[in-house]
Protein backbone atom coordinates (compact mmCIF):
# COMPACT_ATOMS: atom_id res chain seq x y z
CA MET A 1 2.57 37.00 112.48
CA SER A 2 5.34 38.95 110.79
CA THR A 3 4.75 42.04 108.66
CA PRO A 4 5.95 41.65 105.05
CA GLY A 5 8.32 44.29 103.76
CA THR A 6 11.05 44.87 101.19
CA VAL A 7 14.40 43.13 101.58
CA LEU A 8 17.66 43.31 99.65
CA ILE A 9 19.53 40.00 99.36
CA THR A 10 23.01 39.66 97.87
CA GLY A 11 24.04 36.53 95.99
CA THR A 12 20.79 34.91 94.84
CA THR A 13 21.59 33.10 91.58
CA SER A 14 21.82 29.76 93.43
CA GLY A 15 22.18 28.12 96.80
CA VAL A 16 21.12 29.65 100.10
CA GLY A 17 20.43 33.10 98.62
CA LEU A 18 18.09 31.75 95.95
CA ASN A 19 16.23 29.64 98.49
CA ALA A 20 15.99 32.56 100.94
CA THR A 21 14.49 34.64 98.12
CA CYS A 22 11.88 31.95 97.51
CA ALA A 23 11.04 31.60 101.21
CA LEU A 24 10.63 35.35 101.73
CA VAL A 25 8.47 35.87 98.64
CA LYS A 26 6.23 33.07 99.87
CA ARG A 27 5.98 34.96 103.16
CA GLY A 28 4.67 37.98 101.26
CA TRP A 29 7.91 39.97 101.07
CA THR A 30 9.21 41.91 98.09
CA VAL A 31 12.79 40.86 97.34
CA ILE A 32 15.44 42.93 95.58
CA THR A 33 18.25 40.66 94.45
CA ALA A 34 21.80 42.00 94.04
CA ASN A 35 24.16 40.05 91.80
CA ARG A 36 26.91 40.39 89.23
CA SER A 37 24.39 39.08 86.69
CA PRO A 38 20.80 40.29 87.17
CA GLN A 39 19.89 38.17 84.14
CA ARG A 40 21.03 34.97 85.86
CA ALA A 41 19.21 36.02 89.04
CA ALA A 42 15.98 36.56 87.11
CA ALA A 43 16.33 33.24 85.29
CA ALA A 44 16.92 31.41 88.57
CA VAL A 45 13.74 32.71 90.21
CA ASP A 46 11.75 32.19 87.01
CA GLU A 47 12.31 28.46 87.47
CA LEU A 48 10.66 28.70 90.89
CA ASP A 49 7.49 30.25 89.45
CA LEU A 50 7.45 33.18 91.88
CA PRO A 51 5.29 36.28 91.30
CA LYS A 52 7.40 38.72 89.28
CA ASP A 53 5.73 41.78 90.81
CA ARG A 54 7.47 41.01 94.10
CA LEU A 55 10.93 40.70 92.59
CA LYS A 56 13.45 43.25 91.40
CA HIS A 57 17.00 42.57 90.21
CA VAL A 58 19.94 44.97 90.39
CA LEU A 59 23.52 44.75 89.15
CA MET A 60 26.01 44.69 92.01
CA ASP A 61 29.53 43.29 92.06
CA LEU A 62 30.46 43.25 95.73
CA GLY A 63 34.11 42.86 94.82
CA ASP A 64 34.03 46.32 93.22
CA LEU A 65 33.28 49.16 95.64
CA ASP A 66 32.29 51.46 92.78
CA SER A 67 29.72 48.90 91.63
CA VAL A 68 28.28 48.78 95.16
CA ARG A 69 27.88 52.56 95.15
CA ARG A 70 26.18 52.57 91.74
CA ALA A 71 23.81 49.81 92.82
CA VAL A 72 22.82 51.66 95.98
CA ASP A 73 22.00 54.72 93.88
CA ALA A 74 19.64 52.55 91.81
CA LEU A 75 17.78 51.06 94.79
CA PRO A 76 14.32 52.27 95.79
CA GLU A 77 14.04 54.52 98.83
CA ARG A 78 11.94 52.01 100.75
CA LEU A 79 14.01 49.23 102.26
CA ASP A 80 13.16 47.31 105.42
CA ALA A 81 15.84 44.63 105.64
CA VAL A 82 19.21 43.64 104.15
CA VAL A 83 20.68 40.14 103.90
CA CYS A 84 24.44 39.95 103.31
CA ASN A 85 24.70 36.49 101.80
CA ALA A 86 27.02 36.60 98.76
CA ALA A 87 30.51 35.17 99.16
CA VAL A 88 33.44 33.91 97.15
CA TYR A 89 35.65 30.99 98.15
CA LYS A 90 38.66 30.18 95.99
CA PRO A 91 40.81 27.68 97.88
CA LYS A 92 42.87 26.58 94.86
CA LEU A 93 44.38 29.99 94.09
CA LYS A 94 48.19 30.02 94.11
CA GLN A 95 48.40 33.80 94.02
CA PRO A 96 45.84 36.32 95.30
CA GLU A 97 43.20 37.56 92.91
CA ARG A 98 42.64 41.32 93.18
CA SER A 99 39.53 43.49 93.13
CA PRO A 100 39.37 46.63 90.95
CA GLN A 101 40.50 48.57 94.03
CA GLY A 102 43.50 46.24 94.44
CA TYR A 103 42.29 44.25 97.45
CA GLU A 104 42.46 40.46 97.84
CA ILE A 105 39.20 39.19 96.35
CA SER A 106 37.79 37.17 99.29
CA MET A 107 38.12 40.07 101.71
CA ALA A 108 37.03 42.56 99.05
CA THR A 109 33.82 40.70 98.22
CA ASN A 110 32.80 39.05 101.46
CA HIS A 111 33.74 41.83 103.87
CA PHE A 112 34.50 45.20 102.24
CA GLY A 113 31.62 45.06 99.75
CA HIS A 114 29.05 44.20 102.40
CA PHE A 115 30.56 46.62 104.91
CA LEU A 116 30.15 49.49 102.44
CA LEU A 117 26.69 48.33 101.37
CA VAL A 118 25.27 48.32 104.90
CA GLN A 119 26.84 51.68 105.72
CA LEU A 120 25.26 53.27 102.65
CA LEU A 121 21.84 51.80 103.45
CA LEU A 122 21.62 52.63 107.17
CA GLY A 123 19.74 55.86 106.51
CA ARG A 124 17.07 54.13 104.43
CA LEU A 125 16.63 51.38 106.98
CA GLN A 126 16.36 53.92 109.78
CA SER A 127 13.66 55.88 107.94
CA SER A 128 11.60 52.76 107.21
CA SER A 129 8.26 52.49 108.98
CA HIS A 130 8.47 48.70 109.14
CA PRO A 131 7.99 47.48 112.73
CA SER A 132 11.12 45.31 112.72
CA ARG A 133 13.96 46.49 110.48
CA ARG A 134 16.86 44.08 110.25
CA VAL A 135 20.35 43.56 108.85
CA VAL A 136 21.25 39.87 108.64
CA ILE A 137 24.79 38.74 107.84
CA LEU A 138 25.66 35.14 106.99
CA GLY A 139 28.41 33.83 109.22
CA THR A 140 30.22 30.51 109.23
CA VAL A 141 31.22 27.94 111.79
CA THR A 142 34.80 28.06 110.49
CA ALA A 143 35.24 31.64 111.71
CA ASN A 144 34.12 30.90 115.27
CA SER A 145 36.64 29.05 117.42
CA LYS A 146 33.92 28.36 120.01
CA GLU A 147 32.68 25.76 117.47
CA LEU A 148 34.59 22.63 116.47
CA GLY A 149 34.67 23.78 112.83
CA GLY A 150 36.47 26.93 113.89
CA LYS A 151 39.33 24.96 115.43
CA ILE A 152 40.26 23.03 112.29
CA PRO A 153 43.90 23.93 111.49
CA ILE A 154 43.64 23.30 107.73
CA PRO A 155 44.68 25.61 106.14
CA ALA A 156 44.65 27.67 109.36
CA PRO A 157 42.00 28.97 111.77
CA ALA A 158 40.54 32.42 111.13
CA ASP A 159 42.85 34.99 112.69
CA LEU A 160 43.35 38.66 111.79
CA GLY A 161 46.61 38.86 113.74
CA ASP A 162 47.75 42.39 114.48
CA LEU A 163 45.84 43.77 111.45
CA SER A 164 49.11 44.99 109.97
CA GLY A 165 47.89 44.08 106.49
CA PHE A 166 44.90 46.38 106.85
CA GLU A 167 47.10 49.00 108.48
CA ALA A 168 49.44 48.99 105.48
CA GLY A 169 46.62 49.55 102.98
CA PHE A 170 45.92 45.91 102.03
CA LYS A 171 47.23 46.23 98.47
CA ASP A 172 49.89 44.33 96.53
CA PRO A 173 51.99 42.66 97.83
CA ILE A 174 49.74 42.39 100.93
CA SER A 175 46.89 39.90 100.71
CA MET A 176 46.03 38.95 104.32
CA ALA A 177 44.66 41.11 107.10
CA SER A 178 47.51 39.95 109.31
CA GLY A 179 50.12 40.87 106.72
CA LYS A 180 51.31 37.26 106.59
CA PRO A 181 51.74 35.15 103.41
CA PHE A 182 48.68 34.37 101.31
CA LYS A 183 46.57 31.32 102.14
CA PRO A 184 43.42 31.21 100.01
CA GLY A 185 41.29 29.09 102.34
CA LYS A 186 42.27 31.19 105.33
CA ALA A 187 41.51 34.36 103.35
CA TYR A 188 37.90 33.20 103.16
CA LYS A 189 37.77 32.38 106.88
CA ASP A 190 39.26 35.76 107.77
CA SER A 191 36.70 37.57 105.63
CA LYS A 192 33.86 35.76 107.41
CA LEU A 193 35.41 36.59 110.77
CA CYS A 194 35.25 40.23 109.68
CA ASN A 195 31.57 39.73 108.79
CA MET A 196 30.80 38.52 112.30
CA ILE A 197 32.83 41.32 113.89
CA THR A 198 30.94 43.81 111.71
CA THR A 199 27.60 42.48 112.93
CA GLN A 200 28.59 42.99 116.55
CA GLU A 201 29.98 46.46 115.89
CA LEU A 202 26.85 47.50 113.98
CA HIS A 203 24.79 46.41 116.98
CA ARG A 204 27.04 48.25 119.43
CA ARG A 205 27.21 51.45 117.42
CA PHE A 206 23.75 51.78 115.89
CA HIS A 207 21.07 49.57 117.44
CA ALA A 208 20.15 51.85 120.35
CA GLU A 209 20.13 54.92 118.12
CA THR A 210 18.26 53.48 115.13
CA GLY A 211 16.22 50.56 116.44
CA ILE A 212 17.56 48.39 113.62
CA SER A 213 18.28 44.78 114.58
CA PHE A 214 21.72 43.53 113.54
CA THR A 215 22.23 39.76 113.61
CA SER A 216 24.35 37.05 112.04
CA LEU A 217 23.51 33.41 111.54
CA TYR A 218 24.86 29.98 110.74
CA PRO A 219 22.01 27.91 109.26
CA GLY A 220 23.83 24.58 109.52
CA CYS A 221 26.32 23.01 107.14
CA VAL A 222 25.14 23.46 103.56
CA ALA A 223 27.77 21.01 102.37
CA ASP A 224 26.60 20.96 98.75
CA THR A 225 26.36 24.73 98.34
CA PRO A 226 27.59 26.19 95.03
CA LEU A 227 29.99 28.24 97.16
CA PHE A 228 32.26 25.19 96.96
CA ARG A 229 32.30 25.14 93.15
CA ASN A 230 36.01 26.07 93.19
CA ALA A 231 36.97 23.53 95.84
CA PRO A 232 38.83 20.33 94.85
CA ARG A 233 36.60 17.67 93.30
CA LEU A 234 37.34 15.12 96.03
CA PHE A 235 36.30 17.62 98.72
CA ARG A 236 33.01 18.26 96.91
CA LYS A 237 32.34 14.53 96.86
CA ILE A 238 33.37 13.63 100.41
CA PHE A 239 32.27 16.69 102.39
CA PRO A 240 28.47 16.31 101.91
CA TRP A 241 28.70 12.58 102.74
CA PHE A 242 30.74 13.36 105.86
CA GLN A 243 28.26 15.98 107.08
CA LYS A 244 25.27 13.75 106.40
CA ASN A 245 26.63 10.52 107.86
CA ILE A 246 29.27 11.41 110.44
CA THR A 247 28.61 14.81 112.00
CA GLY A 248 24.87 15.06 111.33
CA GLY A 249 25.45 18.72 110.55
CA TYR A 250 24.18 18.67 106.96
CA VAL A 251 21.31 20.97 106.04
CA SER A 252 19.73 21.24 102.60
CA GLN A 253 19.81 24.44 100.59
CA PRO A 254 16.00 24.94 100.83
CA LEU A 255 16.04 24.48 104.61
CA ALA A 256 19.01 26.85 104.98
CA GLY A 257 17.19 29.43 102.85
CA ASP A 258 14.10 29.08 105.01
CA ARG A 259 16.20 29.64 108.13
CA VAL A 260 17.58 32.85 106.65
CA ALA A 261 13.99 33.93 105.95
CA GLN A 262 13.07 33.21 109.56
CA VAL A 263 15.86 35.45 110.85
CA VAL A 264 14.73 38.22 108.49
CA ALA A 265 11.00 38.03 109.11
CA ASP A 266 9.91 36.13 112.20
CA PRO A 267 9.24 37.86 115.55
CA ASP A 268 11.30 35.26 117.43
CA PHE A 269 14.46 36.62 115.77
CA ALA A 270 14.00 40.33 116.48
CA GLU A 271 16.71 40.58 119.16
CA SER A 272 19.77 42.51 118.00
CA GLY A 273 23.39 41.47 118.52
CA VAL A 274 22.68 37.73 118.39
CA HIS A 275 24.51 35.12 116.34
CA TRP A 276 21.76 32.62 115.56
CA SER A 277 22.93 29.08 114.92
CA TRP A 278 21.55 25.66 114.21
CA GLY A 279 25.07 24.29 114.45
CA ASN A 280 25.16 20.50 114.41
CA ARG A 281 21.77 20.28 116.10
CA GLN A 282 20.08 18.76 113.08
CA LYS A 283 17.90 16.34 115.02
CA LYS A 284 14.21 16.25 114.20
CA ASN A 285 12.53 19.47 115.31
CA GLY A 286 15.94 20.95 116.21
CA GLN A 287 15.70 24.62 117.10
CA GLN A 288 17.96 27.60 116.69
CA PHE A 289 20.03 28.85 119.59
CA SER A 290 22.08 31.93 120.41
CA GLN A 291 25.67 30.83 119.80
CA ASP A 292 28.55 32.16 121.87
CA LEU A 293 31.21 33.84 119.76
CA SER A 294 34.95 33.58 120.14
CA ASP A 295 37.14 36.27 121.65
CA LYS A 296 38.34 37.02 118.13
CA VAL A 297 34.83 38.35 117.42
CA THR A 298 33.96 39.89 120.76
CA ASP A 299 37.25 41.57 121.72
CA SER A 300 36.26 45.24 121.74
CA GLN A 301 39.68 46.65 120.85
CA THR A 302 40.13 44.36 117.84
CA ALA A 303 36.56 44.95 116.70
CA SER A 304 36.93 48.71 116.93
CA ARG A 305 40.17 48.59 114.95
CA VAL A 306 38.65 46.36 112.25
CA TRP A 307 35.81 48.87 111.97
CA GLU A 308 38.05 51.94 111.76
CA LEU A 309 40.39 50.38 109.21
CA SER A 310 37.48 49.07 107.11
CA VAL A 311 35.92 52.54 107.04
CA GLY A 312 39.12 53.90 105.55
CA LEU A 313 39.68 51.04 103.12
CA VAL A 314 36.20 51.34 101.59
CA GLY A 315 36.53 55.11 101.31
CA LEU A 316 34.03 56.30 103.92
CA GLY A 317 34.37 59.17 106.35
CA ALA A 318 34.58 58.25 110.02
CA ARG A 319 31.39 56.92 111.60
CA THR A 320 30.97 56.41 115.31
């Protein structure tokens, strides 16, 4: 049996985050939701008839580093787990959208915002008395070239290149970590690659010292997720059918949310440094497995450089 605690989840107004909130509350956890609209987050969970005394909603725009800092200041001191779930995906952009700090919006929201959030919360997690403190970061198959989905060349596989875009400050006219021309779909993939690198670096740098478990996961292909709201209409129609009928990789939003809850709460997922995946193993009674990660994630020199540059870009002092 797992011990209920208090967990912060980003991006809970719909989709996987909302369903993870539901699954964890039903497991006895208290959930703090972090969203650009706390009102929408509250309305979403109200429809699920969950006990309000185990829910708290805070304003946090992950694309704005100042908003992340203000939200952290408003959080309670007790925190036992963090789920980095929120993401933006804007594949139809012709020109990069910028965060208040001037960074390309996919990287700003999906990577920089979560990177700063976890850094600011490490002390609270370390001081928690919960028997199994965890940081869980949502990954994606498209950022892992060890999976078929990570090899798809449209618009291009995830690849941070030589990190010259980060090196140069990542502001206009730069919009890609590699410094190459803007590709909106690839910008999303690159940001998720950074998420998975961050998970491994958090494990390497802090697990032994703090006892916190740092993991990432891919719950299966949630092909009808609201994340795709900005994708072309034809894609939104064909992609769920393809995953259900051709690959067998489709997973429903409630099941994906329950899998996130498992990784947060269940004893079987306590090991740190693991990328948990259900991949395309959606057969009846299919189980999670520890997925190998590509060299783009595990290369120690690249990972260390991503970490160091991210520390500077989010405005933190050096952390080892």
